C-alpha atoms as a PDB file:
ATOM      1  CA  MET A   1      93.378  84.415 121.316  1.00  0.00           C
ATOM      2  CA  HIS A   2      92.840  87.904 122.743  1.00  0.00           C
ATOM      3  CA  SER A   3      89.626  88.925 124.469  1.00  0.00           C
ATOM      4  CA  PRO A   4      87.157  91.177 122.581  1.00  0.00           C
ATOM      5  CA  ILE A   5      88.130  94.092 124.835  1.00  0.00           C
ATOM      6  CA  ILE A   6      91.817  93.702 123.950  1.00  0.00           C
ATOM      7  CA  TYR A   7      90.913  93.476 120.263  1.00  0.00           C
ATOM      8  CA  ARG A   8      88.938  96.717 120.458  1.00  0.00           C
ATOM      9  CA  LYS A   9      91.718  98.537 122.286  1.00  0.00           C
ATOM     10  CA  MET A  10      94.180  97.362 119.637  1.00  0.00           C
ATOM     11  CA  ALA A  11      91.901  98.654 116.879  1.00  0.00           C
ATOM     12  CA  ILE A  12      91.626 102.059 118.522  1.00  0.00           C
ATOM     13  CA  LEU A  13      95.397 102.266 118.947  1.00  0.00           C
ATOM     14  CA  CYS A  14      95.932 101.297 115.321  1.00  0.00           C
ATOM     15  CA  PHE A  15      93.357 103.513 113.673  1.00  0.00           C
ATOM     16  CA  GLY A  16      92.740 106.279 116.186  1.00  0.00           C
ATOM     17  CA  THR A  17      90.264 109.016 115.387  1.00  0.00           C
ATOM     18  CA  LEU A  18      92.206 110.222 112.343  1.00  0.00           C
ATOM     19  CA  LEU A  19      93.125 106.797 110.951  1.00  0.00           C
ATOM     20  CA  ALA A  20      96.731 107.915 110.704  1.00  0.00           C
ATOM     21  CA  PRO A  21      98.995 105.011 111.711  1.00  0.00           C
ATOM     22  CA  LYS A  22     101.736 104.035 109.323  1.00  0.00           C
ATOM     23  CA  ASN A  23      99.940 101.031 107.814  1.00  0.00           C
ATOM     24  CA  GLY A  24      96.246 101.849 107.324  1.00  0.00           C
ATOM     25  CA  TYR A  25      95.255  98.293 108.178  1.00  0.00           C
ATOM     26  CA  ILE A  26      95.275  95.975 111.173  1.00  0.00           C
ATOM     27  CA  MET A  27      94.932  92.200 111.310  1.00  0.00           C
ATOM     28  CA  PHE A  28      93.418  90.084 114.069  1.00  0.00           C
ATOM     29  CA  ARG A  29      94.187  86.392 114.183  1.00  0.00           C
ATOM     30  CA  ASN A  30      91.378  83.863 114.618  1.00  0.00           C
ATOM     31  CA  LEU A  31      88.700  86.537 115.029  1.00  0.00           C
ATOM     32  CA  VAL A  32      85.834  84.717 113.286  1.00  0.00           C
ATOM     33  CA  SER A  33      85.012  81.187 114.432  1.00  0.00           C
ATOM     34  CA  PRO A  34      85.725  78.229 112.126  1.00  0.00           C
ATOM     35  CA  GLU A  35      82.179  76.989 112.722  1.00  0.00           C
ATOM     36  CA  SER A  36      80.741  80.226 111.341  1.00  0.00           C
ATOM     37  CA  LEU A  37      83.032  80.132 108.326  1.00  0.00           C
ATOM     38  CA  ASP A  38      82.089  76.510 107.629  1.00  0.00           C
ATOM     39  CA  GLU A  39      78.426  77.538 107.642  1.00  0.00           C
ATOM     40  CA  TYR A  40      79.096  80.359 105.173  1.00  0.00           C
ATOM     41  CA  ARG A  41      81.119  78.050 102.944  1.00  0.00           C
ATOM     42  CA  GLN A  42      78.369  75.431 102.858  1.00  0.00           C
ATOM     43  CA  HIS A  43      75.780  78.077 102.052  1.00  0.00           C
ATOM     44  CA  PHE A  44      77.985  79.332  99.224  1.00  0.00           C
ATOM     45  CA  LEU A  45      78.230  75.781  97.865  1.00  0.00           C
ATOM     46  CA  ASP A  46      74.467  75.322  98.151  1.00  0.00           C
ATOM     47  CA  ILE A  47      73.909  78.492  96.114  1.00  0.00           C
ATOM     48  CA  CYS A  48      76.507  77.393  93.558  1.00  0.00           C
ATOM     49  CA  ASP A  49      74.831  73.994  93.192  1.00  0.00           C
ATOM     50  CA  GLY A  50      71.318  75.433  92.994  1.00  0.00           C
ATOM     51  CA  LYS A  51      70.212  73.759  96.225  1.00  0.00           C
ATOM     52  CA  VAL A  52      69.082  77.096  97.657  1.00  0.00           C
ATOM     53  CA  LYS A  53      68.116  80.310  95.924  1.00  0.00           C
ATOM     54  CA  GLY A  54      70.468  83.249  96.055  1.00  0.00           C
ATOM     55  CA  GLY A  55      67.606  85.669  96.708  1.00  0.00           C
ATOM     56  CA  HIS A  56      68.736  89.257  96.252  1.00  0.00           C
ATOM     57  CA  THR A  57      72.401  88.307  96.016  1.00  0.00           C
ATOM     58  CA  THR A  58      74.429  88.760  92.851  1.00  0.00           C
ATOM     59  CA  THR A  59      76.276  85.691  91.566  1.00  0.00           C
ATOM     60  CA  MET A  60      79.315  86.255  89.355  1.00  0.00           C
ATOM     61  CA  LYS A  61      81.199  83.733  87.222  1.00  0.00           C
ATOM     62  CA  ASP A  62      84.831  83.626  86.181  1.00  0.00           C
ATOM     63  CA  LEU A  63      84.886  84.783  82.566  1.00  0.00           C
ATOM     64  CA  SER A  64      87.697  82.461  81.499  1.00  0.00           C
ATOM     65  CA  LEU A  65      85.976  79.407  82.992  1.00  0.00           C
ATOM     66  CA  MET A  66      82.664  80.197  81.297  1.00  0.00           C
ATOM     67  CA  GLN A  67      84.246  78.863  78.103  1.00  0.00           C
ATOM     68  CA  THR A  68      84.852  75.482  79.758  1.00  0.00           C
ATOM     69  CA  GLU A  69      82.681  72.790  81.321  1.00  0.00           C
ATOM     70  CA  ALA A  70      83.294  74.167  84.818  1.00  0.00           C
ATOM     71  CA  LYS A  71      80.241  74.297  87.066  1.00  0.00           C
ATOM     72  CA  GLY A  72      79.300  75.343  90.578  1.00  0.00           C
ATOM     73  CA  GLU A  73      82.212  76.135  92.870  1.00  0.00           C
ATOM     74  CA  PHE A  74      84.611  75.637  89.948  1.00  0.00           C
ATOM     75  CA  LEU A  75      82.897  78.419  87.978  1.00  0.00           C
ATOM     76  CA  ILE A  76      81.418  80.967  90.399  1.00  0.00           C
ATOM     77  CA  ASN A  77      83.974  83.425  91.728  1.00  0.00           C
ATOM     78  CA  LYS A  78      81.841  85.771  93.794  1.00  0.00           C
ATOM     79  CA  ILE A  79      78.527  86.170  95.564  1.00  0.00           C
ATOM     80  CA  GLN A  80      77.946  89.768  96.541  1.00  0.00           C
ATOM     81  CA  ASP A  81      75.154  91.931  97.960  1.00  0.00           C
ATOM     82  CA  PHE A  82      74.310  89.307 100.589  1.00  0.00           C
ATOM     83  CA  LEU A  83      73.198  91.670 103.343  1.00  0.00           C
ATOM     84  CA  TYR A  84      69.631  90.355 103.097  1.00  0.00           C
ATOM     85  CA  ASP A  85      70.671  86.709 102.980  1.00  0.00           C
ATOM     86  CA  ASP A  86      69.890  85.215 106.391  1.00  0.00           C
ATOM     87  CA  ILE A  87      72.983  83.016 106.533  1.00  0.00           C
ATOM     88  CA  LEU A  88      75.669  85.297 105.129  1.00  0.00           C
ATOM     89  CA  PHE A  89      74.346  88.339 106.991  1.00  0.00           C
ATOM     90  CA  LYS A  90      75.548  86.592 110.146  1.00  0.00           C
ATOM     91  CA  TYR A  91      79.064  87.576 109.104  1.00  0.00           C
ATOM     92  CA  ALA A  92      78.124  91.217 108.493  1.00  0.00           C
ATOM     93  CA  SER A  93      76.525  91.369 111.947  1.00  0.00           C
ATOM     94  CA  ASP A  94      79.096  89.250 113.810  1.00  0.00           C
ATOM     95  CA  ARG A  95      79.721  91.126 117.054  1.00  0.00           C
ATOM     96  CA  ALA A  96      83.437  90.318 117.030  1.00  0.00           C
ATOM     97  CA  VAL A  97      83.657  92.179 113.719  1.00  0.00           C
ATOM     98  CA  VAL A  98      81.094  94.929 114.259  1.00  0.00           C
ATOM     99  CA  ASN A  99      82.410  95.940 117.681  1.00  0.00           C
ATOM    100  CA  ILE A 100      85.833  96.656 116.205  1.00  0.00           C
ATOM    101  CA  VAL A 101      84.302  98.516 113.266  1.00  0.00           C
ATOM    102  CA  ALA A 102      82.216 100.635 115.652  1.00  0.00           C
ATOM    103  CA  ASP A 103      85.331 101.633 117.566  1.00  0.00           C
ATOM    104  CA  ILE A 104      86.921 102.734 114.291  1.00  0.00           C
ATOM    105  CA  ILE A 105      84.091 104.626 112.553  1.00  0.00           C
ATOM    106  CA  GLY A 106      81.593 105.297 115.351  1.00  0.00           C
ATOM    107  CA  GLU A 107      78.680 103.474 116.958  1.00  0.00           C
ATOM    108  CA  ASN A 108      76.162 104.062 114.158  1.00  0.00           C
ATOM    109  CA  VAL A 109      77.252 101.466 111.617  1.00  0.00           C
ATOM    110  CA  THR A 110      75.731 100.533 108.259  1.00  0.00           C
ATOM    111  CA  ALA A 111      76.996  97.614 106.195  1.00  0.00           C
ATOM    112  CA  VAL A 112      77.230  98.962 102.648  1.00  0.00           C
ATOM    113  CA  HIS A 113      78.868  96.277 100.505  1.00  0.00           C
ATOM    114  CA  SER A 114      79.304  92.530 100.907  1.00  0.00           C
ATOM    115  CA  MET A 115      81.214  89.830  99.054  1.00  0.00           C
ATOM    116  CA  LEU A 116      82.073  86.163  99.406  1.00  0.00           C
ATOM    117  CA  ILE A 117      85.003  85.815  97.015  1.00  0.00           C
ATOM    118  CA  ASN A 118      86.068  82.479  95.551  1.00  0.00           C
ATOM    119  CA  LYS A 119      89.147  81.991  93.383  1.00  0.00           C
ATOM    120  CA  PRO A 120      88.650  78.665  91.571  1.00  0.00           C
ATOM    121  CA  PRO A 121      91.600  76.652  90.262  1.00  0.00           C
ATOM    122  CA  ASP A 122      92.503  76.702  86.561  1.00  0.00           C
ATOM    123  CA  ALA A 123      91.185  80.216  85.946  1.00  0.00           C
ATOM    124  CA  ASP A 124      93.048  82.613  83.692  1.00  0.00           C
ATOM    125  CA  GLN A 125      95.449  84.700  85.783  1.00  0.00           C
ATOM    126  CA  ASP A 126      93.916  87.897  84.415  1.00  0.00           C
ATOM    127  CA  THR A 127      90.459  86.941  85.713  1.00  0.00           C
ATOM    128  CA  SER A 128      91.764  85.513  88.984  1.00  0.00           C
ATOM    129  CA  ARG A 129      93.688  88.574  90.137  1.00  0.00           C
ATOM    130  CA  HIS A 130      92.389  91.924  91.382  1.00  0.00           C
ATOM    131  CA  PRO A 131      94.504  94.913  90.308  1.00  0.00           C
ATOM    132  CA  LEU A 132      95.865  97.511  92.698  1.00  0.00           C
ATOM    133  CA  HIS A 133      92.981  99.787  93.667  1.00  0.00           C
ATOM    134  CA  GLN A 134      91.390 101.919  96.386  1.00  0.00           C
ATOM    135  CA  ASP A 135      87.913 101.029  97.593  1.00  0.00           C
ATOM    136  CA  LEU A 136      86.886 104.677  97.940  1.00  0.00           C
ATOM    137  CA  HIS A 137      86.772 104.818  94.128  1.00  0.00           C
ATOM    138  CA  TYR A 138      83.477 102.911  94.323  1.00  0.00           C
ATOM    139  CA  PHE A 139      81.835 104.903  97.125  1.00  0.00           C
ATOM    140  CA  PRO A 140      79.813 108.141  96.700  1.00  0.00           C
ATOM    141  CA  PHE A 141      79.961 108.969 100.412  1.00  0.00           C
ATOM    142  CA  ARG A 142      82.427 110.594 102.772  1.00  0.00           C
ATOM    143  CA  PRO A 143      84.422 111.129 104.924  1.00  0.00           C
ATOM    144  CA  ALA A 144      86.855 108.339 104.124  1.00  0.00           C
ATOM    145  CA  ASP A 145      87.870 108.047 107.774  1.00  0.00           C
ATOM    146  CA  LYS A 146      84.329 106.902 108.578  1.00  0.00           C
ATOM    147  CA  ILE A 147      84.507 103.929 106.198  1.00  0.00           C
ATOM    148  CA  CYS A 148      86.164 100.603 107.006  1.00  0.00           C
ATOM    149  CA  ALA A 149      86.440  97.184 105.378  1.00  0.00           C
ATOM    150  CA  SER A 150      86.597  93.826 107.115  1.00  0.00           C
ATOM    151  CA  TRP A 151      88.091  90.916 105.151  1.00  0.00           C
ATOM    152  CA  THR A 152      88.200  87.413 106.640  1.00  0.00           C
ATOM    153  CA  ALA A 153      90.105  84.404 105.329  1.00  0.00           C
ATOM    154  CA  MET A 154      87.906  81.308 105.041  1.00  0.00           C
ATOM    155  CA  GLU A 155      90.968  79.075 104.609  1.00  0.00           C
ATOM    156  CA  THR A 156      94.740  79.452 104.468  1.00  0.00           C
ATOM    157  CA  ILE A 157      95.523  82.290 102.069  1.00  0.00           C
ATOM    158  CA  ASP A 158      99.017  83.086 100.829  1.00  0.00           C
ATOM    159  CA  GLU A 159     100.813  84.273  97.704  1.00  0.00           C
ATOM    160  CA  ARG A 160     100.275  80.899  96.005  1.00  0.00           C
ATOM    161  CA  ASN A 161      96.474  81.051  96.012  1.00  0.00           C
ATOM    162  CA  GLY A 162      95.982  84.789  95.725  1.00  0.00           C
ATOM    163  CA  CYS A 163      96.365  86.597  99.037  1.00  0.00           C
ATOM    164  CA  LEU A 164      95.739  90.277  99.504  1.00  0.00           C
ATOM    165  CA  PHE A 165      98.665  92.611  99.017  1.00  0.00           C
ATOM    166  CA  ALA A 166      98.773  96.192 100.257  1.00  0.00           C
ATOM    167  CA  VAL A 167     100.905  99.315 100.176  1.00  0.00           C
ATOM    168  CA  PRO A 168     101.443 100.214 103.854  1.00  0.00           C
ATOM    169  CA  GLY A 169     100.771 103.862 104.607  1.00  0.00           C
ATOM    170  CA  SER A 170      99.037 104.547 101.299  1.00  0.00           C
ATOM    171  CA  HIS A 171      95.812 105.431 103.118  1.00  0.00           C
ATOM    172  CA  ARG A 172      97.418 108.836 103.629  1.00  0.00           C
ATOM    173  CA  ASP A 173      97.519 109.346  99.854  1.00  0.00           C
ATOM    174  CA  VAL A 174      94.878 110.923  97.639  1.00  0.00           C
ATOM    175  CA  LEU A 175      92.177 109.020  95.781  1.00  0.00           C
ATOM    176  CA  TYR A 176      93.801 108.222  92.445  1.00  0.00           C
ATOM    177  CA  PRO A 177      91.957 107.981  89.113  1.00  0.00           C
ATOM    178  CA  HIS A 178      91.002 104.391  88.270  1.00  0.00           C
ATOM    179  CA  ALA A 179      90.437 102.624  84.958  1.00  0.00           C
ATOM    180  CA  TYR A 180      90.602  99.121  83.488  1.00  0.00           C
ATOM    181  CA  PRO A 181      94.241  97.963  83.473  1.00  0.00           C
ATOM    182  CA  ASP A 182      95.563  96.055  80.477  1.00  0.00           C
ATOM    183  CA  ASN A 183      94.362  92.436  80.371  1.00  0.00           C
ATOM    184  CA  VAL A 184      91.916  92.803  83.276  1.00  0.00           C
ATOM    185  CA  LYS A 185      88.660  91.261  82.110  1.00  0.00           C
ATOM    186  CA  ASN A 186      86.283  91.296  85.095  1.00  0.00           C
ATOM    187  CA  LYS A 187      83.488  93.868  85.154  1.00  0.00           C
ATOM    188  CA  ALA A 188      84.166  96.825  87.455  1.00  0.00           C
ATOM    189  CA  TYR A 189      87.664  95.602  88.361  1.00  0.00           C
ATOM    190  CA  HIS A 190      89.164  99.056  87.994  1.00  0.00           C
ATOM    191  CA  GLY A 191      92.733  99.730  89.027  1.00  0.00           C
ATOM    192  CA  VAL A 192      95.119 102.600  89.685  1.00  0.00           C
ATOM    193  CA  GLN A 193      97.317 103.354  86.698  1.00  0.00           C
ATOM    194  CA  GLY A 194     101.081 103.889  86.758  1.00  0.00           C
ATOM    195  CA  LEU A 195     101.827 102.348  90.156  1.00  0.00           C
ATOM    196  CA  ASP A 196     102.789  98.857  89.005  1.00  0.00           C
ATOM    197  CA  LYS A 197     106.215  98.964  90.654  1.00  0.00           C
ATOM    198  CA  VAL A 198     105.179 100.331  94.042  1.00  0.00           C
ATOM    199  CA  PRO A 199     106.411  98.101  96.937  1.00  0.00           C
ATOM    200  CA  THR A 200     103.668  95.904  98.393  1.00  0.00           C
ATOM    201  CA  VAL A 201     103.295  93.582 101.379  1.00  0.00           C
ATOM    202  CA  ASN A 202     101.557  90.205 101.141  1.00  0.00           C
ATOM    203  CA  LEU A 203      98.918  89.626 103.822  1.00  0.00           C
ATOM    204  CA  VAL A 204      99.268  85.915 104.568  1.00  0.00           C
ATOM    205  CA  MET A 205      96.298  84.718 106.604  1.00  0.00           C
ATOM    206  CA  GLU A 206      94.874  81.605 108.225  1.00  0.00           C
ATOM    207  CA  LYS A 207      91.232  80.624 108.516  1.00  0.00           C
ATOM    208  CA  GLY A 208      89.394  83.138 110.718  1.00  0.00           C
ATOM    209  CA  ASP A 209      92.064  85.832 110.501  1.00  0.00           C
ATOM    210  CA  THR A 210      90.499  89.215 109.736  1.00  0.00           C
ATOM    211  CA  VAL A 211      92.040  92.389 108.391  1.00  0.00           C
ATOM    212  CA  PHE A 212      90.389  95.800 108.744  1.00  0.00           C
ATOM    213  CA  PHE A 213      91.515  98.531 106.379  1.00  0.00           C
ATOM    214  CA  HIS A 214      90.975 102.116 105.289  1.00  0.00           C
ATOM    215  CA  PRO A 215      89.197 102.810 101.949  1.00  0.00           C
ATOM    216  CA  ILE A 216      92.121 104.804 100.521  1.00  0.00           C
ATOM    217  CA  LEU A 217      94.603 101.980 101.194  1.00  0.00           C
ATOM    218  CA  LEU A 218      96.134 100.736  97.936  1.00  0.00           C
ATOM    219  CA  HIS A 219      95.598  96.991  97.764  1.00  0.00           C
ATOM    220  CA  GLY A 220      94.747  94.102  95.466  1.00  0.00           C
ATOM    221  CA  SER A 221      95.072  90.332  95.252  1.00  0.00           C
ATOM    222  CA  GLY A 222      97.065  87.901  93.157  1.00  0.00           C
ATOM    223  CA  PRO A 223      95.833  84.988  91.053  1.00  0.00           C
ATOM    224  CA  ASN A 224      95.183  81.515  92.408  1.00  0.00           C
ATOM    225  CA  LEU A 225      98.034  79.386  91.064  1.00  0.00           C
ATOM    226  CA  THR A 226      97.084  76.225  92.988  1.00  0.00           C
ATOM    227  CA  LYS A 227      94.710  73.348  92.296  1.00  0.00           C
ATOM    228  CA  GLY A 228      92.636  74.301  95.327  1.00  0.00           C
ATOM    229  CA  PHE A 229      90.260  77.167  96.040  1.00  0.00           C
ATOM    230  CA  ARG A 230      90.742  80.482  97.806  1.00  0.00           C
ATOM    231  CA  LYS A 231      87.761  81.858  99.681  1.00  0.00           C
ATOM    232  CA  ALA A 232      87.317  85.010 101.732  1.00  0.00           C
ATOM    233  CA  ILE A 233      84.315  86.915 103.023  1.00  0.00           C
ATOM    234  CA  SER A 234      84.258  90.696 103.259  1.00  0.00           C
ATOM    235  CA  VAL A 235      81.985  93.573 104.210  1.00  0.00           C
ATOM    236  CA  HIS A 236      82.489  97.315 103.917  1.00  0.00           C
ATOM    237  CA  TYR A 237      80.983  99.451 106.639  1.00  0.00           C
ATOM    238  CA  ALA A 238      80.289 103.171 106.849  1.00  0.00           C
ATOM    239  CA  ASN A 239      79.126 105.452 109.607  1.00  0.00           C
ATOM    240  CA  SER A 240      75.382 105.752 109.043  1.00  0.00           C
ATOM    241  CA  ASN A 241      75.653 109.545 108.952  1.00  0.00           C
ATOM    242  CA  CYS A 242      78.232 109.729 106.177  1.00  0.00           C
ATOM    243  CA  ASP A 243      77.388 112.408 103.623  1.00  0.00           C
ATOM    244  CA  PHE A 244      76.638 111.440 100.038  1.00  0.00           C
ATOM    245  CA  ILE A 245      78.425 113.353  97.289  1.00  0.00           C
ATOM    246  CA  ASP A 246      77.813 113.911  93.591  1.00  0.00           C
ATOM    247  CA  VAL A 247      80.660 112.147  91.766  1.00  0.00           C
ATOM    248  CA  ARG A 248      79.826 113.567  88.346  1.00  0.00           C
ATOM    249  CA  GLY A 249      82.790 115.497  86.984  1.00  0.00           C
ATOM    250  CA  THR A 250      85.217 113.610  89.245  1.00  0.00           C
ATOM    251  CA  SER A 251      87.475 110.609  88.717  1.00  0.00           C
ATOM    252  CA  GLN A 252      84.615 108.442  90.031  1.00  0.00           C
ATOM    253  CA  GLN A 253      82.213 109.291  87.221  1.00  0.00           C
ATOM    254  CA  ASN A 254      83.344 106.281  85.177  1.00  0.00           C
ATOM    255  CA  ILE A 255      82.441 103.733  87.849  1.00  0.00           C
ATOM    256  CA  ALA A 256      79.156 105.514  88.636  1.00  0.00           C
ATOM    257  CA  GLU A 257      78.055 105.334  85.010  1.00  0.00           C
ATOM    258  CA  GLU A 258      79.159 101.717  84.712  1.00  0.00           C
ATOM    259  CA  VAL A 259      77.296 100.633  87.846  1.00  0.00           C
ATOM    260  CA  GLU A 260      74.147 102.532  86.871  1.00  0.00           C
ATOM    261  CA  GLY A 261      74.302 100.871  83.457  1.00  0.00           C
ATOM    262  CA  MET A 262      74.583  97.400  84.974  1.00  0.00           C
ATOM    263  CA  ALA A 263      71.641  98.098  87.280  1.00  0.00           C
ATOM    264  CA  LYS A 264      69.519  99.361  84.384  1.00  0.00           C
ATOM    265  CA  ARG A 265      70.231  96.240  82.317  1.00  0.00           C
ATOM    266  CA  ARG A 266      69.011  94.157  85.243  1.00  0.00           C
ATOM    267  CA  GLY A 267      65.731  96.057  85.297  1.00  0.00           C
ATOM    268  CA  PHE A 268      66.636  98.250  88.258  1.00  0.00           C
ATOM    269  CA  PRO A 269      67.189 101.805  86.977  1.00  0.00           C
ATOM    270  CA  VAL A 270      68.515 103.806  89.911  1.00  0.00           C
ATOM    271  CA  ASN A 271      71.119 106.493  90.470  1.00  0.00           C
ATOM    272  CA  PHE A 272      74.503 105.734  92.001  1.00  0.00           C
ATOM    273  CA  GLU A 273      73.708 107.243  95.401  1.00  0.00           C
ATOM    274  CA  ASP A 274      70.385 105.474  95.868  1.00  0.00           C
ATOM    275  CA  LEU A 275      71.837 102.152  94.759  1.00  0.00           C
ATOM    276  CA  TRP A 276      74.221 102.203  97.716  1.00  0.00           C
ATOM    277  CA  LYS A 277      71.387 103.056 100.063  1.00  0.00           C
ATOM    278  CA  TYR A 278      69.100 100.308  98.771  1.00  0.00           C
ATOM    279  CA  LYS A 279      71.652  97.543  99.181  1.00  0.00           C
ATOM    280  CA  SER A 280      72.927  98.665 102.597  1.00  0.00           C
ATOM    281  CA  ARG A 281      71.732  97.478 106.004  1.00  0.00           C
ATOM    282  CA  LEU A 282      72.005  98.959 109.481  1.00  0.00           C
ATOM    283  CA  VAL A 283      73.990  96.709 111.826  1.00  0.00           C
ATOM    284  CA  ASN A 284      74.609  98.878 114.889  1.00  0.00           C
ATOM    285  CA  GLY A 285      73.305 102.040 116.532  1.00  0.00           C
ATOM    286  CA  GLU A 286      70.835 104.540 115.132  1.00  0.00           C
ATOM    287  CA  PRO A 287      69.789 105.044 111.487  1.00  0.00           C
ATOM    288  CA  GLY A 288      71.189 107.985 109.558  1.00  0.00           C
ATOM    289  CA  ASN A 289      71.723 109.256 106.023  1.00  0.00           C
ATOM    290  CA  PHE A 290      71.971 105.755 104.595  1.00  0.00           C
ATOM    291  CA  GLN A 291      68.419 105.113 105.722  1.00  0.00           C
ATOM    292  CA  ASN A 292      67.050 108.321 104.128  1.00  0.00           C
ATOM    293  CA  TYR A 293      65.812 107.491 100.641  1.00  0.00           C
ATOM    294  CA  ASN A 294      65.136 110.078  97.962  1.00  0.00           C
ATOM    295  CA  SER A 295      61.415 110.237  97.284  1.00  0.00           C
ATOM    296  CA  LYS A 296      60.312 109.849  93.660  1.00  0.00           C
ATOM    297  CA  LEU A 297      56.742 111.014  94.372  1.00  0.00           C
END
């Protein structure tokens, strides 16, 4: 296992200031401790079983399994927006992760999106997979080079149980229009259209392995075809001084309207920009634009 200093030097060499290596992602083996991941897994199970409250987190269920008698871990496929959950926030603020992120996007770091993703067995393949997409489609802030995702395997993850796949070098592409692909049933699982035959690389990972990637990188994940589970934990980070943009009239308008609609139905009417600010949390350095809220007075 490399020292933290070696890890950070490797990240700088891979991403550089322009994020222009050939891949657009870099993986570190055994970066997050198994003890930490076991704690996150148990907390996920406790939320699934109703032993602890999810607080401000959002719990999502596999649509195909909702028609069955599946419960708990066998039904819930994601807990997101956990940045104000005391246990799961430990991942978002893990120094082994944040130090690398800070070297990529700058010292002032805000965690902006968080997910613990579970692929239960026996789910429909169309609800278990995530179509090819670019994360920047969901973000109303720029520049893209100041945004970075961390994604950590909580167990062995390969093509059998739904590993990530990516298109190396695609972070140098443009942001493509996204929409719902045929047969994709999960809310907000938009995908890039017309790139079904593009060559991809499977990112096979062991417990604790962590991949960092650029928000324009084309990537997705396959279905879980095993009788076991597939869990990963992920956070997107942005430089706290990223600039917010108006996505109306762009290819991102569809996701903005969809997200605003979901928030309104949950009794939280808010615009797309402010929603990202409200659910974010500073993890390193000084506050910036993410911590400046639009006054409604």
